[in-house]
Amino acid sequence: MEVKRSFSVGNVLVSRREDSDWRVVKVLAVDSWPDESDTLQCLVFRPISYTPTVESFCSPDDPGYLTRTRGPTLDD
C-alpha cells in the first residue's frame, strides 16, 4: 500500500536519531508534478544538540540571533 504524505508551506519537520543531534527542516515551497508526486523546497537548519524550540528558528541576520540560539546553560 502506498502512503501519500501531504506537506504544506510553513511545515517544520523535526527529527532526531538515537544519540544524535536534532535536525530541523522548514518547507518553503511544494512543487506538484503531473504524475502526482511532489518536490519540496526546504530550508535546512544546522544540526543542534539541544531540543529545538520556536525561538531557535531564526535567521543569522536577526540582531538577536546569537542570544536566542545558544544552547541551555546552568542558569536556565
PDB file of N, CA and C in Angstrom:
ATOM      1  N   MET A   1       0.845  -1.183   0.000  1.00  0.00           N
ATOM      2  CA  MET A   1       0.000   0.000   0.000  1.00  0.00           C
ATOM      3  C   MET A   1       0.889   1.244   0.000  1.00  0.00           C
ATOM      4  N   GLU A   2       0.630   2.157  -0.902  1.00  0.00           N
ATOM      5  CA  GLU A   2       1.391   3.397  -0.986  1.00  0.00           C
ATOM      6  C   GLU A   2       0.809   4.419  -0.019  1.00  0.00           C
ATOM      7  N   VAL A   3       1.686   5.104   0.682  1.00  0.00           N
ATOM      8  CA  VAL A   3       1.255   6.146   1.616  1.00  0.00           C
ATOM      9  C   VAL A   3       1.599   7.493   1.001  1.00  0.00           C
ATOM     10  N   LYS A   4       0.627   8.353   0.872  1.00  0.00           N
ATOM     11  CA  LYS A   4       0.836   9.697   0.324  1.00  0.00           C
ATOM     12  C   LYS A   4       0.884  10.671   1.490  1.00  0.00           C
ATOM     13  N   ARG A   5       2.011  11.326   1.656  1.00  0.00           N
ATOM     14  CA  ARG A   5       2.144  12.321   2.717  1.00  0.00           C
ATOM     15  C   ARG A   5       1.839  13.683   2.122  1.00  0.00           C
ATOM     16  N   SER A   6       1.207  14.502   2.903  1.00  0.00           N
ATOM     17  CA  SER A   6       0.850  15.835   2.441  1.00  0.00           C
ATOM     18  C   SER A   6       1.675  16.863   3.204  1.00  0.00           C
ATOM     19  N   PHE A   7       2.377  17.710   2.478  1.00  0.00           N
ATOM     20  CA  PHE A   7       3.176  18.765   3.087  1.00  0.00           C
ATOM     21  C   PHE A   7       2.635  20.113   2.649  1.00  0.00           C
ATOM     22  N   SER A   8       2.755  21.093   3.528  1.00  0.00           N
ATOM     23  CA  SER A   8       2.311  22.451   3.227  1.00  0.00           C
ATOM     24  C   SER A   8       3.446  23.422   3.489  1.00  0.00           C
ATOM     25  N   VAL A   9       3.414  24.536   2.782  1.00  0.00           N
ATOM     26  CA  VAL A   9       4.386  25.598   3.021  1.00  0.00           C
ATOM     27  C   VAL A   9       4.286  26.020   4.481  1.00  0.00           C
ATOM     28  N   GLY A  10       5.432  26.126   5.129  1.00  0.00           N
ATOM     29  CA  GLY A  10       5.471  26.520   6.531  1.00  0.00           C
ATOM     30  C   GLY A  10       5.608  25.351   7.489  1.00  0.00           C
ATOM     31  N   ASN A  11       5.374  24.118   7.011  1.00  0.00           N
ATOM     32  CA  ASN A  11       5.572  22.955   7.881  1.00  0.00           C
ATOM     33  C   ASN A  11       7.008  22.930   8.373  1.00  0.00           C
ATOM     34  N   VAL A  12       7.181  22.570   9.641  1.00  0.00           N
ATOM     35  CA  VAL A  12       8.504  22.395  10.219  1.00  0.00           C
ATOM     36  C   VAL A  12       8.632  20.929  10.611  1.00  0.00           C
ATOM     37  N   LEU A  13       9.632  20.274  10.065  1.00  0.00           N
ATOM     38  CA  LEU A  13       9.863  18.862  10.338  1.00  0.00           C
ATOM     39  C   LEU A  13      11.059  18.742  11.271  1.00  0.00           C
ATOM     40  N   VAL A  14      10.890  18.033  12.375  1.00  0.00           N
ATOM     41  CA  VAL A  14      11.937  17.878  13.379  1.00  0.00           C
ATOM     42  C   VAL A  14      12.191  16.394  13.573  1.00  0.00           C
ATOM     43  N   SER A  15      13.450  16.007  13.577  1.00  0.00           N
ATOM     44  CA  SER A  15      13.767  14.601  13.813  1.00  0.00           C
ATOM     45  C   SER A  15      15.073  14.482  14.582  1.00  0.00           C
ATOM     46  N   ARG A  16      15.228  13.321  15.179  1.00  0.00           N
ATOM     47  CA  ARG A  16      16.454  13.036  15.913  1.00  0.00           C
ATOM     48  C   ARG A  16      16.659  11.533  15.923  1.00  0.00           C
ATOM     49  N   ARG A  17      17.811  11.121  15.506  1.00  0.00           N
ATOM     50  CA  ARG A  17      18.170   9.712  15.626  1.00  0.00           C
ATOM     51  C   ARG A  17      18.740   9.500  17.018  1.00  0.00           C
ATOM     52  N   GLU A  18      18.624   8.301  17.500  1.00  0.00           N
ATOM     53  CA  GLU A  18      19.104   7.991  18.845  1.00  0.00           C
ATOM     54  C   GLU A  18      20.560   8.425  19.011  1.00  0.00           C
ATOM     55  N   ASP A  19      20.851   9.111  20.118  1.00  0.00           N
ATOM     56  CA  ASP A  19      22.204   9.587  20.436  1.00  0.00           C
ATOM     57  C   ASP A  19      22.808  10.445  19.326  1.00  0.00           C
ATOM     58  N   SER A  20      21.999  11.323  18.749  1.00  0.00           N
ATOM     59  CA  SER A  20      22.479  12.183  17.671  1.00  0.00           C
ATOM     60  C   SER A  20      21.904  13.587  17.845  1.00  0.00           C
ATOM     61  N   ASP A  21      22.334  14.504  16.986  1.00  0.00           N
ATOM     62  CA  ASP A  21      21.826  15.873  17.026  1.00  0.00           C
ATOM     63  C   ASP A  21      20.412  15.947  16.462  1.00  0.00           C
ATOM     64  N   TRP A  22      19.717  17.014  16.826  1.00  0.00           N
ATOM     65  CA  TRP A  22      18.391  17.299  16.270  1.00  0.00           C
ATOM     66  C   TRP A  22      18.566  17.869  14.874  1.00  0.00           C
ATOM     67  N   ARG A  23      17.657  17.524  13.962  1.00  0.00           N
ATOM     68  CA  ARG A  23      17.648  18.034  12.588  1.00  0.00           C
ATOM     69  C   ARG A  23      16.307  18.711  12.350  1.00  0.00           C
ATOM     70  N   VAL A  24      16.350  19.897  11.772  1.00  0.00           N
ATOM     71  CA  VAL A  24      15.129  20.669  11.540  1.00  0.00           C
ATOM     72  C   VAL A  24      15.104  21.145  10.090  1.00  0.00           C
ATOM     73  N   VAL A  25      13.937  20.997   9.462  1.00  0.00           N
ATOM     74  CA  VAL A  25      13.727  21.414   8.074  1.00  0.00           C
ATOM     75  C   VAL A  25      12.418  22.186   8.007  1.00  0.00           C
ATOM     76  N   LYS A  26      12.408  23.325   7.306  1.00  0.00           N
ATOM     77  CA  LYS A  26      11.182  24.099   7.109  1.00  0.00           C
ATOM     78  C   LYS A  26      10.825  24.078   5.624  1.00  0.00           C
ATOM     79  N   VAL A  27       9.577  23.741   5.320  1.00  0.00           N
ATOM     80  CA  VAL A  27       9.108  23.674   3.933  1.00  0.00           C
ATOM     81  C   VAL A  27       8.826  25.094   3.429  1.00  0.00           C
ATOM     82  N   LEU A  28       9.528  25.492   2.366  1.00  0.00           N
ATOM     83  CA  LEU A  28       9.360  26.826   1.781  1.00  0.00           C
ATOM     84  C   LEU A  28       8.408  26.817   0.588  1.00  0.00           C
ATOM     85  N   ALA A  29       8.394  25.719  -0.154  1.00  0.00           N
ATOM     86  CA  ALA A  29       7.519  25.600  -1.331  1.00  0.00           C
ATOM     87  C   ALA A  29       7.287  24.125  -1.621  1.00  0.00           C
ATOM     88  N   VAL A  30       6.127  23.843  -2.204  1.00  0.00           N
ATOM     89  CA  VAL A  30       5.796  22.484  -2.628  1.00  0.00           C
ATOM     90  C   VAL A  30       5.457  22.535  -4.116  1.00  0.00           C
ATOM     91  N   ASP A  31       6.252  21.845  -4.916  1.00  0.00           N
ATOM     92  CA  ASP A  31       6.012  21.773  -6.361  1.00  0.00           C
ATOM     93  C   ASP A  31       5.335  20.449  -6.675  1.00  0.00           C
ATOM     94  N   SER A  32       4.140  20.513  -7.269  1.00  0.00           N
ATOM     95  CA  SER A  32       3.414  19.299  -7.656  1.00  0.00           C
ATOM     96  C   SER A  32       3.679  18.993  -9.122  1.00  0.00           C
ATOM     97  N   TRP A  33       3.821  17.717  -9.430  1.00  0.00           N
ATOM     98  CA  TRP A  33       4.127  17.258 -10.777  1.00  0.00           C
ATOM     99  C   TRP A  33       2.928  16.521 -11.366  1.00  0.00           C
ATOM    100  N   PRO A  34       2.866  16.430 -12.707  1.00  0.00           N
ATOM    101  CA  PRO A  34       1.738  15.755 -13.369  1.00  0.00           C
ATOM    102  C   PRO A  34       1.532  14.305 -12.907  1.00  0.00           C
ATOM    103  N   ASP A  35       2.607  13.641 -12.476  1.00  0.00           N
ATOM    104  CA  ASP A  35       2.458  12.256 -12.018  1.00  0.00           C
ATOM    105  C   ASP A  35       1.993  12.169 -10.560  1.00  0.00           C
ATOM    106  N   GLU A  36       1.575  13.320 -10.012  1.00  0.00           N
ATOM    107  CA  GLU A  36       1.064  13.447  -8.644  1.00  0.00           C
ATOM    108  C   GLU A  36       2.143  13.313  -7.572  1.00  0.00           C
ATOM    109  N   SER A  37       3.418  13.385  -7.960  1.00  0.00           N
ATOM    110  CA  SER A  37       4.486  13.415  -6.966  1.00  0.00           C
ATOM    111  C   SER A  37       4.759  14.877  -6.596  1.00  0.00           C
ATOM    112  N   ASP A  38       5.419  15.082  -5.489  1.00  0.00           N
ATOM    113  CA  ASP A  38       5.746  16.426  -5.013  1.00  0.00           C
ATOM    114  C   ASP A  38       7.248  16.568  -4.832  1.00  0.00           C
ATOM    115  N   THR A  39       7.734  17.775  -5.039  1.00  0.00           N
ATOM    116  CA  THR A  39       9.104  18.127  -4.712  1.00  0.00           C
ATOM    117  C   THR A  39       9.040  19.250  -3.690  1.00  0.00           C
ATOM    118  N   LEU A  40       9.734  19.076  -2.578  1.00  0.00           N
ATOM    119  CA  LEU A  40       9.738  20.085  -1.521  1.00  0.00           C
ATOM    120  C   LEU A  40      10.981  20.950  -1.648  1.00  0.00           C
ATOM    121  N   GLN A  41      10.794  22.259  -1.562  1.00  0.00           N
ATOM    122  CA  GLN A  41      11.912  23.186  -1.460  1.00  0.00           C
ATOM    123  C   GLN A  41      11.989  23.568   0.009  1.00  0.00           C
ATOM    124  N   CYS A  42      13.139  23.290   0.623  1.00  0.00           N
ATOM    125  CA  CYS A  42      13.235  23.409   2.079  1.00  0.00           C
ATOM    126  C   CYS A  42      14.429  24.235   2.523  1.00  0.00           C
ATOM    127  N   LEU A  43      14.289  24.797   3.699  1.00  0.00           N
ATOM    128  CA  LEU A  43      15.386  25.433   4.408  1.00  0.00           C
ATOM    129  C   LEU A  43      15.845  24.422   5.447  1.00  0.00           C
ATOM    130  N   VAL A  44      17.113  24.037   5.387  1.00  0.00           N
ATOM    131  CA  VAL A  44      17.650  23.049   6.316  1.00  0.00           C
ATOM    132  C   VAL A  44      18.491  23.784   7.352  1.00  0.00           C
ATOM    133  N   PHE A  45      18.104  23.670   8.611  1.00  0.00           N
ATOM    134  CA  PHE A  45      18.836  24.315   9.695  1.00  0.00           C
ATOM    135  C   PHE A  45      20.037  23.465  10.080  1.00  0.00           C
ATOM    136  N   ARG A  46      21.049  24.083  10.644  1.00  0.00           N
ATOM    137  CA  ARG A  46      22.217  23.326  11.081  1.00  0.00           C
ATOM    138  C   ARG A  46      21.805  22.387  12.215  1.00  0.00           C
ATOM    139  N   PRO A  47      22.437  21.224  12.322  1.00  0.00           N
ATOM    140  CA  PRO A  47      22.111  20.304  13.417  1.00  0.00           C
ATOM    141  C   PRO A  47      22.427  20.949  14.764  1.00  0.00           C
ATOM    142  N   ILE A  48      21.589  20.659  15.752  1.00  0.00           N
ATOM    143  CA  ILE A  48      21.809  21.194  17.094  1.00  0.00           C
ATOM    144  C   ILE A  48      21.727  20.062  18.110  1.00  0.00           C
ATOM    145  N   SER A  49      22.419  20.223  19.228  1.00  0.00           N
ATOM    146  CA  SER A  49      22.465  19.168  20.237  1.00  0.00           C
ATOM    147  C   SER A  49      21.333  19.271  21.252  1.00  0.00           C
ATOM    148  N   TYR A  50      20.683  20.431  21.350  1.00  0.00           N
ATOM    149  CA  TYR A  50      19.606  20.619  22.322  1.00  0.00           C
ATOM    150  C   TYR A  50      18.248  20.581  21.623  1.00  0.00           C
ATOM    151  N   THR A  51      17.207  20.304  22.392  1.00  0.00           N
ATOM    152  CA  THR A  51      15.859  20.214  21.835  1.00  0.00           C
ATOM    153  C   THR A  51      15.458  21.545  21.212  1.00  0.00           C
ATOM    154  N   PRO A  52      15.058  21.556  19.937  1.00  0.00           N
ATOM    155  CA  PRO A  52      14.690  22.817  19.287  1.00  0.00           C
ATOM    156  C   PRO A  52      13.402  23.406  19.858  1.00  0.00           C
ATOM    157  N   THR A  53      13.325  24.721  19.842  1.00  0.00           N
ATOM    158  CA  THR A  53      12.131  25.450  20.274  1.00  0.00           C
ATOM    159  C   THR A  53      11.756  26.431  19.171  1.00  0.00           C
ATOM    160  N   VAL A  54      10.595  27.024  19.293  1.00  0.00           N
ATOM    161  CA  VAL A  54      10.174  28.029  18.312  1.00  0.00           C
ATOM    162  C   VAL A  54      11.199  29.159  18.252  1.00  0.00           C
ATOM    163  N   GLU A  55      11.731  29.555  19.397  1.00  0.00           N
ATOM    164  CA  GLU A  55      12.697  30.652  19.442  1.00  0.00           C
ATOM    165  C   GLU A  55      13.999  30.310  18.721  1.00  0.00           C
ATOM    166  N   SER A  56      14.319  29.032  18.609  1.00  0.00           N
ATOM    167  CA  SER A  56      15.584  28.663  17.971  1.00  0.00           C
ATOM    168  C   SER A  56      15.518  28.720  16.443  1.00  0.00           C
ATOM    169  N   PHE A  57      14.322  28.951  15.875  1.00  0.00           N
ATOM    170  CA  PHE A  57      14.181  29.079  14.423  1.00  0.00           C
ATOM    171  C   PHE A  57      14.243  30.551  14.045  1.00  0.00           C
ATOM    172  N   CYS A  58      15.440  31.071  13.852  1.00  0.00           N
ATOM    173  CA  CYS A  58      15.573  32.466  13.443  1.00  0.00           C
ATOM    174  C   CYS A  58      16.736  32.586  12.475  1.00  0.00           C
ATOM    175  N   SER A  59      16.821  33.709  11.853  1.00  0.00           N
ATOM    176  CA  SER A  59      17.837  33.955  10.844  1.00  0.00           C
ATOM    177  C   SER A  59      19.109  34.520  11.471  1.00  0.00           C
ATOM    178  N   PRO A  60      20.282  34.144  10.947  1.00  0.00           N
ATOM    179  CA  PRO A  60      21.523  34.759  11.413  1.00  0.00           C
ATOM    180  C   PRO A  60      21.549  36.267  11.170  1.00  0.00           C
ATOM    181  N   ASP A  61      20.685  36.770  10.272  1.00  0.00           N
ATOM    182  CA  ASP A  61      20.612  38.208  10.014  1.00  0.00           C
ATOM    183  C   ASP A  61      19.822  38.945  11.090  1.00  0.00           C
ATOM    184  N   ASP A  62      19.120  38.206  11.942  1.00  0.00           N
ATOM    185  CA  ASP A  62      18.333  38.791  13.025  1.00  0.00           C
ATOM    186  C   ASP A  62      19.292  39.301  14.105  1.00  0.00           C
ATOM    187  N   PRO A  63      19.156  40.558  14.561  1.00  0.00           N
ATOM    188  CA  PRO A  63      20.079  41.119  15.545  1.00  0.00           C
ATOM    189  C   PRO A  63      20.174  40.311  16.841  1.00  0.00           C
ATOM    190  N   GLY A  64      19.125  39.616  17.237  1.00  0.00           N
ATOM    191  CA  GLY A  64      19.158  38.846  18.478  1.00  0.00           C
ATOM    192  C   GLY A  64      19.545  37.398  18.288  1.00  0.00           C
ATOM    193  N   TYR A  65      20.043  37.051  17.116  1.00  0.00           N
ATOM    194  CA  TYR A  65      20.333  35.659  16.759  1.00  0.00           C
ATOM    195  C   TYR A  65      21.240  34.956  17.770  1.00  0.00           C
ATOM    196  N   LEU A  66      22.358  35.567  18.109  1.00  0.00           N
ATOM    197  CA  LEU A  66      23.325  34.895  18.973  1.00  0.00           C
ATOM    198  C   LEU A  66      22.786  34.617  20.366  1.00  0.00           C
ATOM    199  N   THR A  67      21.978  35.504  20.911  1.00  0.00           N
ATOM    200  CA  THR A  67      21.463  35.279  22.258  1.00  0.00           C
ATOM    201  C   THR A  67      20.337  34.262  22.274  1.00  0.00           C
ATOM    202  N   ARG A  68      19.565  34.157  21.188  1.00  0.00           N
ATOM    203  CA  ARG A  68      18.426  33.233  21.180  1.00  0.00           C
ATOM    204  C   ARG A  68      18.780  31.831  20.716  1.00  0.00           C
ATOM    205  N   THR A  69      19.911  31.650  20.059  1.00  0.00           N
ATOM    206  CA  THR A  69      20.218  30.331  19.514  1.00  0.00           C
ATOM    207  C   THR A  69      21.246  29.572  20.340  1.00  0.00           C
ATOM    208  N   ARG A  70      21.640  30.115  21.431  1.00  0.00           N
ATOM    209  CA  ARG A  70      22.596  29.393  22.270  1.00  0.00           C
ATOM    210  C   ARG A  70      21.912  28.188  22.893  1.00  0.00           C
ATOM    211  N   GLY A  71      22.687  27.235  23.268  1.00  0.00           N
ATOM    212  CA  GLY A  71      22.146  26.060  23.953  1.00  0.00           C
ATOM    213  C   GLY A  71      21.830  26.393  25.399  1.00  0.00           C
ATOM    214  N   PRO A  72      21.136  25.496  26.092  1.00  0.00           N
ATOM    215  CA  PRO A  72      20.817  25.714  27.501  1.00  0.00           C
ATOM    216  C   PRO A  72      22.094  25.815  28.334  1.00  0.00           C
ATOM    217  N   THR A  73      22.032  26.614  29.382  1.00  0.00           N
ATOM    218  CA  THR A  73      23.164  26.745  30.300  1.00  0.00           C
ATOM    219  C   THR A  73      22.712  26.363  31.700  1.00  0.00           C
ATOM    220  N   LEU A  74      23.625  26.367  32.637  1.00  0.00           N
ATOM    221  CA  LEU A  74      23.284  26.042  34.024  1.00  0.00           C
ATOM    222  C   LEU A  74      22.325  27.060  34.625  1.00  0.00           C
ATOM    223  N   ASP A  75      22.290  28.278  34.066  1.00  0.00           N
ATOM    224  CA  ASP A  75      21.395  29.325  34.568  1.00  0.00           C
ATOM    225  C   ASP A  75      19.959  29.140  34.103  1.00  0.00           C
ATOM    226  N   ASP A  76      19.719  28.283  33.124  1.00  0.00           N
ATOM    227  CA  ASP A  76      18.364  28.074  32.590  1.00  0.00           C
ATOM    228  C   ASP A  76      17.530  27.230  33.536  1.00  0.00           C
TER     229      ASP A  76
END
